[in-house]
Structure formats: C-alpha cells, structure tokens
Amino acid sequence: MTPAVVRGGAALSEAIEGLLAADREELVALFGRSAQLGDRHVIVITAVEQAPERYLRRTAGLLKWDAELTKQWSDRVEATGESIVVLHAHNH
C-alpha cells in the first residue's frame, strides 16, 4: 500500500509545530479533501481541530478520548464528504 500524501497551508504547519512543541500528548484532527492520483492518495487539509480537553482522559503514559469525540468527527466527515487524518502525538 502506498502511503497517502498530506498537504496543507499554514493551518497544517501550525498544527504540526504545535504538536511537536507540546509538553504532553495531544490529539488533533485534520479535515480536508482527498483524491486518488495514480497510485497516490492525496489529502489537502482545509481545517484543523484540536481535541477539546473535555473529551480527553490523560493517565500515566496514555491519552484516551471519548467515543463522543469520535462520533462528532465521524458525523462531520459523513455530512460534508471531507476526509480526516487523526494525529495522536506523544511529547517524547
């Protein structure tokens, strides 16, 4: 399987920089449009959403999120036809 290519503008760059600079684990959803170009799947990111703290549970070495957050993001994708990339970043 050929990996997807993810592209975006300032919002994507800021999200990645924020994840790398974070002092704890974080969860971010990247929303965008996707297309198949030859053997590559390309996703162009148009929006970034950091998971709200109320949906996260942090324990020693683990980050878990509520099913409600997954449902909200899934409902958005189904309603808009967007694609989603979920980034779960560790601080080490």
Protein backbone atom coordinates (compact mmCIF):
# COMPACT_ATOMS: atom_id res chain seq x y z
CA MET A 1 0.00 0.00 0.00
CA THR A 2 1.33 3.40 -0.99
CA PRO A 3 1.13 5.95 1.86
CA ALA A 4 -1.11 8.96 1.50
CA VAL A 5 0.33 12.37 0.76
CA VAL A 6 -0.94 15.07 3.13
CA ARG A 7 -0.67 18.70 2.05
CA GLY A 8 -1.91 21.92 3.56
CA GLY A 9 -1.13 25.52 4.21
CA ALA A 10 -0.40 27.48 7.33
CA ALA A 11 -3.01 25.68 9.44
CA LEU A 12 -1.32 22.32 8.82
CA SER A 13 2.14 23.72 9.53
CA GLU A 14 0.93 25.36 12.74
CA ALA A 15 -0.77 22.13 13.88
CA ILE A 16 2.39 20.09 13.33
CA GLU A 17 4.60 22.68 15.01
CA GLY A 18 2.19 22.83 17.97
CA LEU A 19 2.22 19.05 18.33
CA LEU A 20 6.00 18.91 18.23
CA ALA A 21 6.31 21.70 20.82
CA ALA A 22 3.65 20.31 23.18
CA ASP A 23 4.80 19.17 26.59
CA ARG A 24 2.16 16.41 26.71
CA GLU A 25 0.29 14.09 24.38
CA GLU A 26 -2.22 15.76 22.12
CA LEU A 27 -4.91 14.72 19.65
CA VAL A 28 -5.63 16.72 16.51
CA ALA A 29 -7.97 16.12 13.58
CA LEU A 30 -7.04 17.33 10.12
CA PHE A 31 -10.01 17.75 7.76
CA GLY A 32 -9.74 18.15 4.04
CA ARG A 33 -10.46 16.93 0.56
CA SER A 34 -8.92 13.84 -0.92
CA ALA A 35 -8.34 12.39 -4.35
CA GLN A 36 -6.67 9.41 -5.92
CA LEU A 37 -3.87 10.48 -8.26
CA GLY A 38 -2.39 7.45 -9.93
CA ASP A 39 -1.15 5.19 -7.17
CA ARG A 40 -1.17 8.01 -4.58
CA HIS A 41 -3.94 9.11 -2.26
CA VAL A 42 -3.63 12.88 -1.74
CA ILE A 43 -5.33 14.78 1.06
CA VAL A 44 -5.37 18.58 1.03
CA ILE A 45 -6.01 19.85 4.55
CA THR A 46 -8.51 22.70 4.84
CA ALA A 47 -9.21 22.72 8.60
CA VAL A 48 -7.51 21.65 11.80
CA GLU A 49 -9.23 20.91 15.11
CA GLN A 50 -7.50 20.15 18.38
CA ALA A 51 -9.47 17.73 20.54
CA PRO A 52 -11.25 19.62 23.33
CA GLU A 53 -9.95 18.71 26.78
CA ARG A 54 -13.43 17.69 27.94
CA TYR A 55 -13.21 14.64 25.64
CA LEU A 56 -9.71 13.57 26.72
CA ARG A 57 -8.53 11.43 29.60
CA ARG A 58 -4.87 11.58 30.46
CA THR A 59 -3.25 8.88 32.56
CA ALA A 60 0.36 7.87 33.08
CA GLY A 61 1.69 7.41 29.57
CA LEU A 62 -1.73 7.18 27.92
CA LEU A 63 -4.13 9.50 26.15
CA LYS A 64 -7.66 8.25 25.64
CA TRP A 65 -10.61 10.03 24.12
CA ASP A 66 -14.35 9.65 24.49
CA ALA A 67 -16.49 7.91 21.92
CA GLU A 68 -18.47 11.16 21.65
CA LEU A 69 -15.47 12.88 20.06
CA THR A 70 -15.07 10.07 17.54
CA LYS A 71 -18.81 10.33 16.79
CA GLN A 72 -18.65 14.11 16.29
CA TRP A 73 -15.71 13.87 13.92
CA SER A 74 -17.28 10.92 12.05
CA ASP A 75 -20.60 12.74 11.72
CA ARG A 76 -18.80 15.78 10.30
CA VAL A 77 -16.96 13.67 7.74
CA GLU A 78 -20.14 11.89 6.68
CA ALA A 79 -22.12 15.16 6.43
CA THR A 80 -19.51 17.11 4.47
CA GLY A 81 -17.74 14.44 2.45
CA GLU A 82 -14.42 15.55 3.91
CA SER A 83 -11.55 13.23 4.68
CA ILE A 84 -9.98 13.09 8.12
CA VAL A 85 -6.49 12.40 9.42
CA VAL A 86 -6.20 11.99 13.19
CA LEU A 87 -2.83 12.82 14.71
CA HIS A 88 -2.04 11.47 18.15
CA ALA A 89 1.29 12.92 19.16
CA HIS A 90 3.50 11.99 22.10
CA ASN A 91 5.77 14.51 23.77
CA HIS A 92 8.85 12.30 23.71
